[in-house]
N, C-alpha and C. Protein backbone atom coordinates (compact mmCIF):
# COMPACT_ATOMS: atom_id res chain seq x y z
N MET A 1 80.67 78.69 90.08
CA MET A 1 80.46 78.73 91.75
C MET A 1 80.19 79.82 91.93
N LYS A 2 79.27 79.75 92.70
CA LYS A 2 78.84 81.05 93.43
C LYS A 2 78.53 80.54 94.75
N ILE A 3 78.93 82.43 95.00
CA ILE A 3 79.30 82.54 96.66
C ILE A 3 77.48 83.38 96.61
N THR A 4 77.02 83.44 97.80
CA THR A 4 76.47 84.14 98.34
C THR A 4 76.56 85.05 99.85
N GLU A 5 75.84 85.84 99.64
CA GLU A 5 76.28 86.69 100.75
C GLU A 5 76.17 86.33 102.28
N GLN A 6 75.84 85.32 102.35
CA GLN A 6 75.13 84.53 103.68
C GLN A 6 76.69 84.51 103.54
N GLN A 7 77.33 82.94 102.68
CA GLN A 7 78.70 83.10 102.94
C GLN A 7 79.97 83.90 103.27
N VAL A 8 79.80 84.83 102.28
CA VAL A 8 80.83 85.39 103.61
C VAL A 8 80.17 85.91 104.66
N ARG A 9 78.85 86.90 104.78
CA ARG A 9 78.63 87.07 106.35
C ARG A 9 79.26 86.22 107.28
N TYR A 10 79.03 84.56 107.06
CA TYR A 10 79.79 83.74 107.60
C TYR A 10 80.72 83.08 108.06
N VAL A 11 82.15 83.91 107.10
CA VAL A 11 83.50 83.76 106.80
C VAL A 11 83.77 84.94 107.84
N ALA A 12 83.04 85.73 107.75
CA ALA A 12 83.17 87.50 108.61
C ALA A 12 82.90 87.48 109.32
N GLU A 13 81.88 86.85 109.95
CA GLU A 13 81.92 86.68 111.66
C GLU A 13 83.13 85.84 112.13
N LEU A 14 83.42 84.25 111.14
CA LEU A 14 84.47 83.59 112.01
C LEU A 14 85.52 84.39 111.55
N ALA A 15 86.11 85.29 110.95
CA ALA A 15 87.26 86.39 111.21
C ALA A 15 86.95 87.32 111.77
N HIS A 16 86.21 87.01 112.52
CA HIS A 16 85.65 88.24 113.78
C HIS A 16 85.77 90.14 112.94
N LEU A 17 85.22 89.74 111.10
CA LEU A 17 85.23 90.93 110.56
C LEU A 17 83.84 91.78 110.44
N ARG A 18 83.78 93.35 111.32
CA ARG A 18 82.41 94.20 110.62
C ARG A 18 82.78 94.34 109.15
N LEU A 19 81.71 93.68 108.46
CA LEU A 19 81.46 94.00 106.68
C LEU A 19 80.49 94.87 106.37
N SER A 20 80.13 96.73 105.94
CA SER A 20 79.10 96.57 105.86
C SER A 20 77.92 95.80 104.41
N ASP A 21 77.36 96.36 104.19
CA ASP A 21 76.08 95.53 103.65
C ASP A 21 76.57 95.97 102.06
N GLN A 22 77.37 96.97 101.58
CA GLN A 22 78.61 96.93 100.08
C GLN A 22 79.93 96.16 100.28
N GLU A 23 79.99 96.06 101.34
CA GLU A 23 82.00 95.38 101.50
C GLU A 23 81.32 94.18 101.45
N VAL A 24 79.62 92.65 101.56
CA VAL A 24 79.24 92.17 101.70
C VAL A 24 79.63 91.39 100.11
N GLN A 25 78.65 92.29 99.67
CA GLN A 25 78.37 92.41 97.99
C GLN A 25 79.22 92.45 97.38
N GLN A 26 80.51 93.03 97.21
CA GLN A 26 81.91 93.25 96.47
C GLN A 26 82.35 92.44 97.19
N LEU A 27 82.76 91.14 98.26
CA LEU A 27 83.22 90.48 98.41
C LEU A 27 82.53 88.93 97.70
N ALA A 28 81.40 89.33 97.63
CA ALA A 28 80.86 87.88 96.92
C ALA A 28 81.07 88.17 95.51
N ARG A 29 80.76 89.04 94.92
CA ARG A 29 81.60 89.56 93.40
C ARG A 29 83.07 89.15 92.78
N ASP A 30 84.47 89.13 94.05
CA ASP A 30 84.65 89.38 93.65
C ASP A 30 85.48 87.97 94.24
N LEU A 31 85.48 87.19 95.60
CA LEU A 31 85.04 86.05 95.15
C LEU A 31 85.01 84.91 94.31
N ASP A 32 83.20 85.23 94.11
CA ASP A 32 83.53 84.91 92.86
C ASP A 32 83.82 84.08 91.82
N GLU A 33 84.32 85.50 91.35
CA GLU A 33 85.11 85.70 89.93
C GLU A 33 86.88 85.21 90.13
N ILE A 34 86.96 84.89 91.20
CA ILE A 34 88.47 84.49 91.69
C ILE A 34 88.13 82.79 91.72
N LEU A 35 87.11 82.10 91.41
CA LEU A 35 86.61 80.98 91.87
C LEU A 35 86.09 80.45 90.67
N SER A 36 85.97 81.08 89.82
CA SER A 36 85.61 81.42 88.66
C SER A 36 86.84 80.94 87.69
N HIS A 37 87.58 82.05 88.13
CA HIS A 37 88.60 81.82 87.14
C HIS A 37 89.57 80.09 87.42
N MET A 38 89.07 79.60 88.86
CA MET A 38 89.82 78.57 89.57
C MET A 38 89.59 77.75 88.69
N GLU A 39 88.31 77.26 88.32
CA GLU A 39 87.51 76.19 87.33
C GLU A 39 87.99 76.41 85.98
N LYS A 40 87.84 77.21 85.38
CA LYS A 40 88.99 77.89 84.29
C LYS A 40 89.73 76.48 84.18
N LEU A 41 91.64 77.34 85.28
CA LEU A 41 92.41 76.56 85.01
C LEU A 41 92.05 74.96 85.82
N ASN A 42 91.22 74.63 86.28
CA ASN A 42 90.80 73.33 86.44
C ASN A 42 90.78 72.83 84.84
N GLU A 43 90.48 72.99 83.97
CA GLU A 43 90.29 72.94 83.26
C GLU A 43 91.74 72.01 82.10
N LEU A 44 92.65 72.96 83.12
CA LEU A 44 93.47 72.70 81.77
C LEU A 44 94.12 71.14 82.15
N ASP A 45 95.22 70.60 80.72
CA ASP A 45 95.43 69.44 80.98
C ASP A 45 97.41 69.66 81.37
N THR A 46 97.16 69.41 82.59
CA THR A 46 99.02 69.21 83.15
C THR A 46 99.34 67.72 83.23
N GLU A 47 98.73 66.77 82.58
CA GLU A 47 99.63 65.40 82.88
C GLU A 47 100.53 65.32 82.40
N ASN A 48 101.33 65.79 81.29
CA ASN A 48 102.42 65.62 81.58
C ASN A 48 103.34 66.96 81.63
N VAL A 49 103.13 67.62 82.74
CA VAL A 49 104.25 69.06 82.54
C VAL A 49 104.51 68.40 83.95
N GLU A 50 105.39 68.04 84.19
CA GLU A 50 106.88 68.34 85.40
C GLU A 50 106.10 69.03 86.61
N PRO A 51 106.60 68.77 87.92
CA PRO A 51 106.29 69.95 88.74
C PRO A 51 107.63 70.37 88.87
N MET A 52 108.23 71.18 88.80
CA MET A 52 109.29 73.35 89.47
C MET A 52 108.32 73.23 90.45
N ALA A 53 109.91 73.65 90.73
CA ALA A 53 110.48 73.96 92.47
C ALA A 53 110.40 75.18 91.97
N GLN A 54 111.68 76.08 91.45
CA GLN A 54 111.29 76.97 90.47
C GLN A 54 110.79 77.22 89.87
N VAL A 55 109.85 78.55 89.28
CA VAL A 55 108.83 78.54 87.84
C VAL A 55 109.46 79.45 87.05
N LEU A 56 110.51 80.18 87.73
CA LEU A 56 111.18 81.73 86.64
C LEU A 56 111.99 80.65 85.63
N TYR A 57 113.01 79.58 86.41
CA TYR A 57 114.04 78.76 85.78
C TYR A 57 114.83 78.17 86.53
N GLU A 58 115.66 76.83 85.65
CA GLU A 58 116.19 75.93 86.19
C GLU A 58 117.40 76.43 87.31
N ALA A 59 117.83 75.78 87.96
CA ALA A 59 118.46 76.85 89.22
C ALA A 59 118.69 75.27 90.38
N GLY A 60 119.68 76.15 91.28
CA GLY A 60 119.48 75.14 92.10
C GLY A 60 118.77 75.54 94.06
N GLU A 61 118.43 75.14 94.75
CA GLU A 61 117.34 75.10 95.51
C GLU A 61 116.91 76.69 95.78
N THR A 62 118.28 77.13 96.61
CA THR A 62 118.93 78.23 97.38
C THR A 62 119.10 79.38 95.65
N ALA A 63 118.57 78.82 95.09
CA ALA A 63 119.69 80.40 93.59
C ALA A 63 118.94 81.41 94.08
N THR A 64 118.01 82.10 94.58
CA THR A 64 116.93 83.45 94.96
C THR A 64 117.02 84.09 95.91
N LEU A 65 117.55 82.48 96.95
CA LEU A 65 117.16 83.62 98.86
C LEU A 65 118.49 83.76 98.95
N ARG A 66 118.48 84.51 99.60
CA ARG A 66 120.18 85.53 100.25
C ARG A 66 121.18 83.87 101.37
N GLU A 67 121.51 84.87 101.54
CA GLU A 67 122.04 84.05 102.77
C GLU A 67 121.58 84.68 103.89
N ASP A 68 121.10 83.90 104.90
CA ASP A 68 120.10 83.74 106.49
C ASP A 68 121.33 84.38 107.43
N CYS A 69 121.79 85.80 108.17
CA CYS A 69 122.27 86.53 108.20
C CYS A 69 121.35 87.66 109.08
N GLU A 70 122.16 88.29 110.19
CA GLU A 70 121.85 88.74 110.76
C GLU A 70 121.85 89.97 110.86
N GLN A 71 120.92 90.89 110.47
CA GLN A 71 120.57 92.19 110.16
C GLN A 71 120.46 93.72 110.98
N PRO A 72 120.57 94.28 111.34
CA PRO A 72 120.83 95.02 111.58
C PRO A 72 119.82 95.71 112.38
N THR A 73 118.82 96.40 113.47
CA THR A 73 117.78 96.66 113.92
C THR A 73 117.89 97.66 114.52
N ILE A 74 116.39 98.39 114.47
CA ILE A 74 116.61 100.00 114.69
C ILE A 74 116.23 99.79 115.91
N PRO A 75 116.72 100.98 117.50
CA PRO A 75 116.64 100.80 118.97
C PRO A 75 115.26 101.31 119.18
N PRO A 76 114.61 100.59 119.87
CA PRO A 76 113.31 100.08 121.28
C PRO A 76 112.70 101.73 120.24
N GLU A 77 113.33 102.96 120.88
CA GLU A 77 113.21 104.07 121.38
C GLU A 77 112.81 104.52 120.16
N ILE A 78 113.20 104.32 118.76
CA ILE A 78 112.31 104.88 117.63
C ILE A 78 111.48 104.19 116.90
N ALA A 79 111.58 103.11 117.15
CA ALA A 79 110.43 101.74 116.82
C ALA A 79 109.27 102.35 117.28
N LEU A 80 109.84 102.99 118.93
CA LEU A 80 108.53 102.90 119.43
C LEU A 80 107.78 104.61 119.78
N ALA A 81 108.43 105.50 118.81
CA ALA A 81 108.33 106.26 118.91
C ALA A 81 106.51 107.18 118.44
N ASN A 82 106.28 106.94 117.55
CA ASN A 82 104.80 107.03 116.87
C ASN A 82 104.21 105.96 117.44
N ALA A 83 104.32 105.04 118.37
CA ALA A 83 103.02 104.22 118.63
C ALA A 83 102.39 104.79 119.57
N PRO A 84 101.28 104.85 119.38
CA PRO A 84 100.18 105.33 119.96
C PRO A 84 99.94 105.05 121.58
N LEU A 85 100.51 103.74 122.57
CA LEU A 85 100.68 102.88 123.21
C LEU A 85 101.81 101.92 123.10
N ALA A 86 102.55 102.53 124.16
CA ALA A 86 103.92 101.94 124.48
C ALA A 86 103.87 101.79 126.23
N GLY A 87 105.02 100.80 126.61
CA GLY A 87 105.56 100.96 127.30
C GLY A 87 106.38 99.71 128.51
N ALA A 88 107.08 99.54 128.59
CA ALA A 88 108.06 98.30 129.33
C ALA A 88 109.05 98.46 127.13
N GLY A 89 109.65 99.30 127.14
CA GLY A 89 109.78 99.24 126.08
C GLY A 89 109.10 98.14 124.41
N TYR A 90 107.79 97.70 124.69
CA TYR A 90 107.04 97.24 123.77
C TYR A 90 105.58 98.28 123.23
N PHE A 91 104.77 97.57 122.23
CA PHE A 91 104.35 98.70 121.83
C PHE A 91 102.74 97.48 123.01
N LYS A 92 101.63 98.77 123.43
CA LYS A 92 100.45 98.55 124.09
C LYS A 92 99.93 97.70 122.82
N VAL A 93 98.47 96.77 122.80
CA VAL A 93 97.32 97.04 122.01
C VAL A 93 96.11 96.78 122.79
N PRO A 94 95.55 96.78 122.24
CA PRO A 94 94.08 95.62 123.31
C PRO A 94 94.08 94.64 123.23
N LYS A 95 93.54 94.25 124.63
CA LYS A 95 93.28 92.93 124.32
C LYS A 95 92.32 92.24 123.46
N VAL A 96 92.17 91.60 122.26
CA VAL A 96 92.40 90.95 121.92
C VAL A 96 90.68 89.57 121.71
N ILE A 97 92.30 88.86 122.66
CA ILE A 97 91.55 87.19 122.76
C ILE A 97 90.96 86.68 124.19
N ASP A 98 89.67 86.62 124.92
CA ASP A 98 89.74 86.18 126.90
C ASP A 98 89.46 84.71 125.86
N LYS A 99 90.27 84.05 127.26
CA LYS A 99 90.29 81.85 127.87
C LYS A 99 89.16 82.07 128.27
């Protein structure tokens, strides 16, 4: 499958990304390689392969998950120490969405 620069520019516009011409060309090549690889994977015969919940080994549902428990946090003063702009205990960021 061939990804065109026009398609890359369209998706970049949807994502509000500013890409240089060089970045557009590189992204088009990269995405084309990814999709080519996916096409190769789609050629594999997986008819008799059972779905797996854990890809590394057979184990219980929570074998690789840690217990969900509260973890210590850092104080807001330390978290905000290097923030370019902060106030009232929060990071201040430029408005990006207008309603």
